[in-house]
């Protein structure tokens, strides 16, 4: 069983963007499909680094998360440019 953790930053971004339903549906799909490589492509999961991944909720919005044994920690959400800025700040 995989558990999901949401950072304060992530919750705030999602709430302010009023995308709670969209993100909630995506999170359910991620929990069901993570770790199953053939399902990853359908969920638009992409590996960005050693433990860092992104998935899309739609064409314009992405969720950034870290995956560690049994836990997915979602820390950021945004469009392409916002995600690029976030990732530059992580390095």
PDB file of N, CA and C in Angstrom:
ATOM      1  N   UNK A   1       0.843  -1.193   0.000  1.00  0.00           N
ATOM      2  CA  UNK A   1       0.000   0.000   0.000  1.00  0.00           C
ATOM      3  C   UNK A   1       0.885   1.252   0.000  1.00  0.00           C
ATOM      4  N   UNK A   2       0.572   2.160  -0.860  1.00  0.00           N
ATOM      5  CA  UNK A   2       1.310   3.422  -0.952  1.00  0.00           C
ATOM      6  C   UNK A   2       0.522   4.504  -0.229  1.00  0.00           C
ATOM      7  N   UNK A   3       1.226   5.260   0.603  1.00  0.00           N
ATOM      8  CA  UNK A   3       0.568   6.397   1.248  1.00  0.00           C
ATOM      9  C   UNK A   3       0.992   7.682   0.545  1.00  0.00           C
ATOM     10  N   UNK A   4       0.164   8.695   0.686  1.00  0.00           N
ATOM     11  CA  UNK A   4       0.402   9.984   0.042  1.00  0.00           C
ATOM     12  C   UNK A   4       0.499  11.061   1.108  1.00  0.00           C
ATOM     13  N   UNK A   5       1.537  11.868   0.993  1.00  0.00           N
ATOM     14  CA  UNK A   5       1.700  13.026   1.868  1.00  0.00           C
ATOM     15  C   UNK A   5       1.660  14.281   0.996  1.00  0.00           C
ATOM     16  N   UNK A   6       1.016  15.319   1.512  1.00  0.00           N
ATOM     17  CA  UNK A   6       0.916  16.588   0.792  1.00  0.00           C
ATOM     18  C   UNK A   6       1.570  17.669   1.630  1.00  0.00           C
ATOM     19  N   UNK A   7       2.523  18.377   1.044  1.00  0.00           N
ATOM     20  CA  UNK A   7       3.183  19.460   1.776  1.00  0.00           C
ATOM     21  C   UNK A   7       2.222  20.646   1.921  1.00  0.00           C
ATOM     22  N   UNK A   8       2.526  21.515   2.851  1.00  0.00           N
ATOM     23  CA  UNK A   8       1.706  22.732   3.022  1.00  0.00           C
ATOM     24  C   UNK A   8       1.699  23.556   1.747  1.00  0.00           C
ATOM     25  N   UNK A   9       2.884  23.677   1.132  1.00  0.00           N
ATOM     26  CA  UNK A   9       2.998  24.444  -0.111  1.00  0.00           C
ATOM     27  C   UNK A   9       2.069  23.860  -1.168  1.00  0.00           C
ATOM     28  N   UNK A  10       2.082  22.530  -1.331  1.00  0.00           N
ATOM     29  CA  UNK A  10       1.251  21.864  -2.322  1.00  0.00           C
ATOM     30  C   UNK A  10      -0.231  22.141  -2.065  1.00  0.00           C
ATOM     31  N   UNK A  11      -0.658  21.977  -0.832  1.00  0.00           N
ATOM     32  CA  UNK A  11      -2.067  22.214  -0.480  1.00  0.00           C
ATOM     33  C   UNK A  11      -2.479  23.647  -0.788  1.00  0.00           C
ATOM     34  N   UNK A  12      -1.602  24.583  -0.460  1.00  0.00           N
ATOM     35  CA  UNK A  12      -1.907  25.999  -0.695  1.00  0.00           C
ATOM     36  C   UNK A  12      -2.024  26.300  -2.189  1.00  0.00           C
ATOM     37  N   UNK A  13      -1.091  25.785  -2.985  1.00  0.00           N
ATOM     38  CA  UNK A  13      -1.121  26.014  -4.432  1.00  0.00           C
ATOM     39  C   UNK A  13      -2.406  25.461  -5.036  1.00  0.00           C
ATOM     40  N   UNK A  14      -2.755  24.239  -4.660  1.00  0.00           N
ATOM     41  CA  UNK A  14      -3.952  23.589  -5.211  1.00  0.00           C
ATOM     42  C   UNK A  14      -5.216  24.348  -4.800  1.00  0.00           C
ATOM     43  N   UNK A  15      -5.274  24.735  -3.545  1.00  0.00           N
ATOM     44  CA  UNK A  15      -6.439  25.470  -3.038  1.00  0.00           C
ATOM     45  C   UNK A  15      -6.589  26.811  -3.752  1.00  0.00           C
ATOM     46  N   UNK A  16      -5.491  27.563  -3.876  1.00  0.00           N
ATOM     47  CA  UNK A  16      -5.547  28.878  -4.521  1.00  0.00           C
ATOM     48  C   UNK A  16      -5.882  28.775  -6.010  1.00  0.00           C
ATOM     49  N   UNK A  17      -5.483  27.679  -6.642  1.00  0.00           N
ATOM     50  CA  UNK A  17      -5.783  27.489  -8.067  1.00  0.00           C
ATOM     51  C   UNK A  17      -7.183  26.901  -8.279  1.00  0.00           C
ATOM     52  N   UNK A  18      -7.834  26.543  -7.189  1.00  0.00           N
ATOM     53  CA  UNK A  18      -9.173  25.931  -7.223  1.00  0.00           C
ATOM     54  C   UNK A  18      -9.202  24.683  -8.106  1.00  0.00           C
ATOM     55  N   UNK A  19      -8.224  23.819  -7.865  1.00  0.00           N
ATOM     56  CA  UNK A  19      -8.107  22.588  -8.645  1.00  0.00           C
ATOM     57  C   UNK A  19      -8.212  21.353  -7.750  1.00  0.00           C
ATOM     58  N   UNK A  20      -8.890  21.471  -6.634  1.00  0.00           N
ATOM     59  CA  UNK A  20      -8.970  20.380  -5.667  1.00  0.00           C
ATOM     60  C   UNK A  20      -9.526  19.090  -6.268  1.00  0.00           C
ATOM     61  N   UNK A  21     -10.626  19.189  -7.002  1.00  0.00           N
ATOM     62  CA  UNK A  21     -11.248  17.984  -7.571  1.00  0.00           C
ATOM     63  C   UNK A  21     -10.341  17.326  -8.603  1.00  0.00           C
ATOM     64  N   UNK A  22      -9.775  18.125  -9.465  1.00  0.00           N
ATOM     65  CA  UNK A  22      -8.879  17.626 -10.512  1.00  0.00           C
ATOM     66  C   UNK A  22      -7.668  16.920  -9.897  1.00  0.00           C
ATOM     67  N   UNK A  23      -7.067  17.555  -8.896  1.00  0.00           N
ATOM     68  CA  UNK A  23      -5.886  16.994  -8.249  1.00  0.00           C
ATOM     69  C   UNK A  23      -6.248  15.742  -7.457  1.00  0.00           C
ATOM     70  N   UNK A  24      -7.363  15.771  -6.777  1.00  0.00           N
ATOM     71  CA  UNK A  24      -7.803  14.609  -6.009  1.00  0.00           C
ATOM     72  C   UNK A  24      -7.981  13.387  -6.907  1.00  0.00           C
ATOM     73  N   UNK A  25      -8.591  13.569  -8.056  1.00  0.00           N
ATOM     74  CA  UNK A  25      -8.791  12.463  -8.997  1.00  0.00           C
ATOM     75  C   UNK A  25      -7.442  11.938  -9.499  1.00  0.00           C
ATOM     76  N   UNK A  26      -6.522  12.837  -9.783  1.00  0.00           N
ATOM     77  CA  UNK A  26      -5.198  12.433 -10.255  1.00  0.00           C
ATOM     78  C   UNK A  26      -4.450  11.673  -9.164  1.00  0.00           C
ATOM     79  N   UNK A  27      -4.542  12.131  -7.924  1.00  0.00           N
ATOM     80  CA  UNK A  27      -3.865  11.451  -6.824  1.00  0.00           C
ATOM     81  C   UNK A  27      -4.372  10.020  -6.663  1.00  0.00           C
ATOM     82  N   UNK A  28      -5.663   9.820  -6.791  1.00  0.00           N
ATOM     83  CA  UNK A  28      -6.219   8.458  -6.700  1.00  0.00           C
ATOM     84  C   UNK A  28      -5.627   7.563  -7.794  1.00  0.00           C
ATOM     85  N   UNK A  29      -5.535   8.097  -9.002  1.00  0.00           N
ATOM     86  CA  UNK A  29      -4.981   7.320 -10.113  1.00  0.00           C
ATOM     87  C   UNK A  29      -3.503   7.006  -9.894  1.00  0.00           C
ATOM     88  N   UNK A  30      -2.767   7.969  -9.360  1.00  0.00           N
ATOM     89  CA  UNK A  30      -1.345   7.773  -9.105  1.00  0.00           C
ATOM     90  C   UNK A  30      -1.143   6.672  -8.072  1.00  0.00           C
ATOM     91  N   UNK A  31      -1.912   6.705  -7.004  1.00  0.00           N
ATOM     92  CA  UNK A  31      -1.780   5.686  -5.953  1.00  0.00           C
ATOM     93  C   UNK A  31      -2.059   4.297  -6.523  1.00  0.00           C
ATOM     94  N   UNK A  32      -3.054   4.186  -7.366  1.00  0.00           N
ATOM     95  CA  UNK A  32      -3.405   2.895  -7.964  1.00  0.00           C
ATOM     96  C   UNK A  32      -2.370   2.422  -8.985  1.00  0.00           C
ATOM     97  N   UNK A  33      -1.736   3.344  -9.699  1.00  0.00           N
ATOM     98  CA  UNK A  33      -0.867   2.953 -10.801  1.00  0.00           C
ATOM     99  C   UNK A  33       0.620   3.079 -10.573  1.00  0.00           C
ATOM    100  N   UNK A  34       1.051   3.745  -9.508  1.00  0.00           N
ATOM    101  CA  UNK A  34       2.487   3.966  -9.319  1.00  0.00           C
ATOM    102  C   UNK A  34       3.192   2.638  -9.050  1.00  0.00           C
ATOM    103  N   UNK A  35       4.319   2.458  -9.699  1.00  0.00           N
ATOM    104  CA  UNK A  35       5.065   1.222  -9.562  1.00  0.00           C
ATOM    105  C   UNK A  35       4.695   0.186 -10.603  1.00  0.00           C
ATOM    106  N   UNK A  36       3.769   0.530 -11.469  1.00  0.00           N
ATOM    107  CA  UNK A  36       3.361  -0.349 -12.574  1.00  0.00           C
ATOM    108  C   UNK A  36       3.752   0.360 -13.866  1.00  0.00           C
ATOM    109  N   UNK A  37       4.932   0.057 -14.394  1.00  0.00           N
ATOM    110  CA  UNK A  37       5.482   0.813 -15.534  1.00  0.00           C
ATOM    111  C   UNK A  37       4.553   0.978 -16.726  1.00  0.00           C
ATOM    112  N   UNK A  38       3.759  -0.019 -17.036  1.00  0.00           N
ATOM    113  CA  UNK A  38       2.879   0.095 -18.204  1.00  0.00           C
ATOM    114  C   UNK A  38       1.736   1.077 -17.954  1.00  0.00           C
ATOM    115  N   UNK A  39       1.420   1.302 -16.706  1.00  0.00           N
ATOM    116  CA  UNK A  39       0.355   2.241 -16.355  1.00  0.00           C
ATOM    117  C   UNK A  39       0.901   3.668 -16.304  1.00  0.00           C
ATOM    118  N   UNK A  40       2.206   3.810 -15.993  1.00  0.00           N
ATOM    119  CA  UNK A  40       2.823   5.137 -15.865  1.00  0.00           C
ATOM    120  C   UNK A  40       2.576   6.019 -17.078  1.00  0.00           C
ATOM    121  N   UNK A  41       2.736   5.461 -18.260  1.00  0.00           N
ATOM    122  CA  UNK A  41       2.600   6.288 -19.456  1.00  0.00           C
ATOM    123  C   UNK A  41       1.181   6.826 -19.596  1.00  0.00           C
ATOM    124  N   UNK A  42       0.201   6.052 -19.236  1.00  0.00           N
ATOM    125  CA  UNK A  42      -1.185   6.512 -19.309  1.00  0.00           C
ATOM    126  C   UNK A  42      -1.495   7.585 -18.288  1.00  0.00           C
ATOM    127  N   UNK A  43      -0.746   7.584 -17.191  1.00  0.00           N
ATOM    128  CA  UNK A  43      -0.942   8.592 -16.144  1.00  0.00           C
ATOM    129  C   UNK A  43      -0.034   9.800 -16.348  1.00  0.00           C
ATOM    130  N   UNK A  44       0.797   9.743 -17.372  1.00  0.00           N
ATOM    131  CA  UNK A  44       1.746  10.818 -17.676  1.00  0.00           C
ATOM    132  C   UNK A  44       2.722  11.038 -16.527  1.00  0.00           C
ATOM    133  N   UNK A  45       3.196   9.940 -15.944  1.00  0.00           N
ATOM    134  CA  UNK A  45       4.228  10.021 -14.911  1.00  0.00           C
ATOM    135  C   UNK A  45       5.574  10.030 -15.612  1.00  0.00           C
ATOM    136  N   UNK A  46       6.409  10.969 -15.206  1.00  0.00           N
ATOM    137  CA  UNK A  46       7.736  11.077 -15.804  1.00  0.00           C
ATOM    138  C   UNK A  46       8.775  11.239 -14.710  1.00  0.00           C
ATOM    139  N   UNK A  47       9.831  10.461 -14.799  1.00  0.00           N
ATOM    140  CA  UNK A  47      10.901  10.547 -13.810  1.00  0.00           C
ATOM    141  C   UNK A  47      11.776  11.758 -14.121  1.00  0.00           C
ATOM    142  N   UNK A  48      12.038  12.578 -13.094  1.00  0.00           N
ATOM    143  CA  UNK A  48      12.842  13.780 -13.268  1.00  0.00           C
ATOM    144  C   UNK A  48      14.212  13.657 -12.616  1.00  0.00           C
ATOM    145  N   UNK A  49      14.322  12.787 -11.644  1.00  0.00           N
ATOM    146  CA  UNK A  49      15.568  12.606 -10.911  1.00  0.00           C
ATOM    147  C   UNK A  49      15.526  11.310 -10.143  1.00  0.00           C
ATOM    148  N   UNK A  50      16.481  11.122  -9.230  1.00  0.00           N
ATOM    149  CA  UNK A  50      16.587   9.859  -8.510  1.00  0.00           C
ATOM    150  C   UNK A  50      15.273   9.445  -7.854  1.00  0.00           C
ATOM    151  N   UNK A  51      14.655  10.336  -7.112  1.00  0.00           N
ATOM    152  CA  UNK A  51      13.377  10.038  -6.455  1.00  0.00           C
ATOM    153  C   UNK A  51      12.290  11.026  -6.858  1.00  0.00           C
ATOM    154  N   UNK A  52      12.581  11.885  -7.813  1.00  0.00           N
ATOM    155  CA  UNK A  52      11.680  12.974  -8.174  1.00  0.00           C
ATOM    156  C   UNK A  52      10.901  12.647  -9.450  1.00  0.00           C
ATOM    157  N   UNK A  53       9.582  12.893  -9.397  1.00  0.00           N
ATOM    158  CA  UNK A  53       8.694  12.592 -10.516  1.00  0.00           C
ATOM    159  C   UNK A  53       7.738  13.746 -10.757  1.00  0.00           C
ATOM    160  N   UNK A  54       7.149  13.745 -11.946  1.00  0.00           N
ATOM    161  CA  UNK A  54       6.054  14.657 -12.230  1.00  0.00           C
ATOM    162  C   UNK A  54       4.932  13.860 -12.878  1.00  0.00           C
ATOM    163  N   UNK A  55       3.728  14.330 -12.695  1.00  0.00           N
ATOM    164  CA  UNK A  55       2.582  13.777 -13.401  1.00  0.00           C
ATOM    165  C   UNK A  55       1.710  14.944 -13.802  1.00  0.00           C
ATOM    166  N   UNK A  56       0.884  14.730 -14.781  1.00  0.00           N
ATOM    167  CA  UNK A  56       0.016  15.797 -15.286  1.00  0.00           C
ATOM    168  C   UNK A  56      -1.411  15.544 -14.853  1.00  0.00           C
ATOM    169  N   UNK A  57      -2.077  16.636 -14.519  1.00  0.00           N
ATOM    170  CA  UNK A  57      -3.508  16.531 -14.237  1.00  0.00           C
ATOM    171  C   UNK A  57      -4.298  16.826 -15.502  1.00  0.00           C
ATOM    172  N   UNK A  58      -3.634  17.422 -16.448  1.00  0.00           N
ATOM    173  CA  UNK A  58      -4.223  17.788 -17.730  1.00  0.00           C
ATOM    174  C   UNK A  58      -3.084  18.284 -18.607  1.00  0.00           C
ATOM    175  N   UNK A  59      -3.396  18.968 -19.672  1.00  0.00           N
ATOM    176  CA  UNK A  59      -2.339  19.448 -20.550  1.00  0.00           C
ATOM    177  C   UNK A  59      -1.497  20.560 -19.932  1.00  0.00           C
ATOM    178  N   UNK A  60      -2.099  21.375 -19.099  1.00  0.00           N
ATOM    179  CA  UNK A  60      -1.403  22.566 -18.635  1.00  0.00           C
ATOM    180  C   UNK A  60      -0.886  22.503 -17.196  1.00  0.00           C
ATOM    181  N   UNK A  61      -1.256  21.488 -16.426  1.00  0.00           N
ATOM    182  CA  UNK A  61      -0.887  21.492 -15.005  1.00  0.00           C
ATOM    183  C   UNK A  61      -0.146  20.228 -14.616  1.00  0.00           C
ATOM    184  N   UNK A  62       0.886  20.392 -13.790  1.00  0.00           N
ATOM    185  CA  UNK A  62       1.732  19.267 -13.388  1.00  0.00           C
ATOM    186  C   UNK A  62       1.870  19.213 -11.870  1.00  0.00           C
ATOM    187  N   UNK A  63       2.031  18.013 -11.357  1.00  0.00           N
ATOM    188  CA  UNK A  63       2.259  17.785  -9.937  1.00  0.00           C
ATOM    189  C   UNK A  63       3.652  17.202  -9.780  1.00  0.00           C
ATOM    190  N   UNK A  64       4.424  17.743  -8.849  1.00  0.00           N
ATOM    191  CA  UNK A  64       5.777  17.271  -8.593  1.00  0.00           C
ATOM    192  C   UNK A  64       5.777  16.516  -7.270  1.00  0.00           C
ATOM    193  N   UNK A  65       6.396  15.318  -7.284  1.00  0.00           N
ATOM    194  CA  UNK A  65       6.428  14.534  -6.054  1.00  0.00           C
ATOM    195  C   UNK A  65       7.701  13.710  -5.949  1.00  0.00           C
ATOM    196  N   UNK A  66       8.014  13.355  -4.710  1.00  0.00           N
ATOM    197  CA  UNK A  66       9.127  12.462  -4.426  1.00  0.00           C
ATOM    198  C   UNK A  66       8.557  11.108  -4.071  1.00  0.00           C
ATOM    199  N   UNK A  67       9.226  10.065  -4.526  1.00  0.00           N
ATOM    200  CA  UNK A  67       8.790   8.708  -4.230  1.00  0.00           C
ATOM    201  C   UNK A  67       9.864   8.005  -3.411  1.00  0.00           C
ATOM    202  N   UNK A  68       9.479   7.568  -2.250  1.00  0.00           N
ATOM    203  CA  UNK A  68      10.332   6.755  -1.399  1.00  0.00           C
ATOM    204  C   UNK A  68       9.525   5.522  -1.029  1.00  0.00           C
ATOM    205  N   UNK A  69      10.166   4.526  -0.549  1.00  0.00           N
ATOM    206  CA  UNK A  69       9.516   3.243  -0.293  1.00  0.00           C
ATOM    207  C   UNK A  69       8.185   3.410   0.442  1.00  0.00           C
ATOM    208  N   UNK A  70       7.088   3.184  -0.284  1.00  0.00           N
ATOM    209  CA  UNK A  70       5.753   3.209   0.296  1.00  0.00           C
ATOM    210  C   UNK A  70       5.134   4.580   0.498  1.00  0.00           C
ATOM    211  N   UNK A  71       5.862   5.658   0.140  1.00  0.00           N
ATOM    212  CA  UNK A  71       5.344   7.012   0.375  1.00  0.00           C
ATOM    213  C   UNK A  71       5.596   7.902  -0.843  1.00  0.00           C
ATOM    214  N   UNK A  72       4.548   8.591  -1.267  1.00  0.00           N
ATOM    215  CA  UNK A  72       4.665   9.604  -2.313  1.00  0.00           C
ATOM    216  C   UNK A  72       4.399  10.948  -1.652  1.00  0.00           C
ATOM    217  N   UNK A  73       5.373  11.851  -1.739  1.00  0.00           N
ATOM    218  CA  UNK A  73       5.245  13.171  -1.114  1.00  0.00           C
ATOM    219  C   UNK A  73       5.117  14.226  -2.203  1.00  0.00           C
ATOM    220  N   UNK A  74       3.940  14.830  -2.292  1.00  0.00           N
ATOM    221  CA  UNK A  74       3.668  15.867  -3.282  1.00  0.00           C
ATOM    222  C   UNK A  74       4.039  17.213  -2.697  1.00  0.00           C
ATOM    223  N   UNK A  75       4.885  17.968  -3.424  1.00  0.00           N
ATOM    224  CA  UNK A  75       5.413  19.216  -2.883  1.00  0.00           C
ATOM    225  C   UNK A  75       5.089  20.443  -3.723  1.00  0.00           C
ATOM    226  N   UNK A  76       4.800  20.272  -5.010  1.00  0.00           N
ATOM    227  CA  UNK A  76       4.598  21.446  -5.859  1.00  0.00           C
ATOM    228  C   UNK A  76       3.628  21.118  -6.981  1.00  0.00           C
ATOM    229  N   UNK A  77       2.940  22.142  -7.463  1.00  0.00           N
ATOM    230  CA  UNK A  77       2.039  22.012  -8.607  1.00  0.00           C
ATOM    231  C   UNK A  77       2.071  23.315  -9.384  1.00  0.00           C
ATOM    232  N   UNK A  78       1.945  23.207 -10.706  1.00  0.00           N
ATOM    233  CA  UNK A  78       1.916  24.417 -11.515  1.00  0.00           C
ATOM    234  C   UNK A  78       2.002  24.099 -12.992  1.00  0.00           C
ATOM    235  N   UNK A  79       2.069  25.163 -13.785  1.00  0.00           N
ATOM    236  CA  UNK A  79       2.206  24.984 -15.227  1.00  0.00           C
ATOM    237  C   UNK A  79       3.677  24.737 -15.571  1.00  0.00           C
ATOM    238  N   UNK A  80       3.972  24.593 -16.836  1.00  0.00           N
ATOM    239  CA  UNK A  80       5.323  24.254 -17.278  1.00  0.00           C
ATOM    240  C   UNK A  80       6.369  25.232 -16.748  1.00  0.00           C
ATOM    241  N   UNK A  81       6.128  26.527 -16.903  1.00  0.00           N
ATOM    242  CA  UNK A  81       7.102  27.534 -16.471  1.00  0.00           C
ATOM    243  C   UNK A  81       7.295  27.539 -14.962  1.00  0.00           C
ATOM    244  N   UNK A  82       6.224  27.390 -14.216  1.00  0.00           N
ATOM    245  CA  UNK A  82       6.326  27.351 -12.756  1.00  0.00           C
ATOM    246  C   UNK A  82       7.102  26.124 -12.288  1.00  0.00           C
ATOM    247  N   UNK A  83       6.866  24.999 -12.930  1.00  0.00           N
ATOM    248  CA  UNK A  83       7.593  23.769 -12.590  1.00  0.00           C
ATOM    249  C   UNK A  83       9.073  23.917 -12.912  1.00  0.00           C
ATOM    250  N   UNK A  84       9.384  24.506 -14.044  1.00  0.00           N
ATOM    251  CA  UNK A  84      10.805  24.715 -14.402  1.00  0.00           C
ATOM    252  C   UNK A  84      11.499  25.596 -13.368  1.00  0.00           C
ATOM    253  N   UNK A  85      10.846  26.659 -12.925  1.00  0.00           N
ATOM    254  CA  UNK A  85      11.418  27.535 -11.898  1.00  0.00           C
ATOM    255  C   UNK A  85      11.625  26.771 -10.586  1.00  0.00           C
ATOM    256  N   UNK A  86      10.632  25.982 -10.214  1.00  0.00           N
ATOM    257  CA  UNK A  86      10.722  25.156  -8.995  1.00  0.00           C
ATOM    258  C   UNK A  86      11.913  24.204  -9.084  1.00  0.00           C
ATOM    259  N   UNK A  87      12.056  23.525 -10.208  1.00  0.00           N
ATOM    260  CA  UNK A  87      13.133  22.548 -10.364  1.00  0.00           C
ATOM    261  C   UNK A  87      14.510  23.211 -10.363  1.00  0.00           C
ATOM    262  N   UNK A  88      14.626  24.384 -10.959  1.00  0.00           N
ATOM    263  CA  UNK A  88      15.905  25.101 -10.923  1.00  0.00           C
ATOM    264  C   UNK A  88      16.275  25.446  -9.485  1.00  0.00           C
ATOM    265  N   UNK A  89      15.294  25.786  -8.681  1.00  0.00           N
ATOM    266  CA  UNK A  89      15.545  26.113  -7.282  1.00  0.00           C
ATOM    267  C   UNK A  89      15.896  24.912  -6.434  1.00  0.00           C
ATOM    268  N   UNK A  90      15.571  23.710  -6.876  1.00  0.00           N
ATOM    269  CA  UNK A  90      15.862  22.479  -6.136  1.00  0.00           C
ATOM    270  C   UNK A  90      17.287  21.995  -6.318  1.00  0.00           C
ATOM    271  N   UNK A  91      17.956  22.479  -7.335  1.00  0.00           N
ATOM    272  CA  UNK A  91      19.311  21.968  -7.630  1.00  0.00           C
ATOM    273  C   UNK A  91      20.374  22.738  -6.942  1.00  0.00           C
TER     274      UNK A  91
END
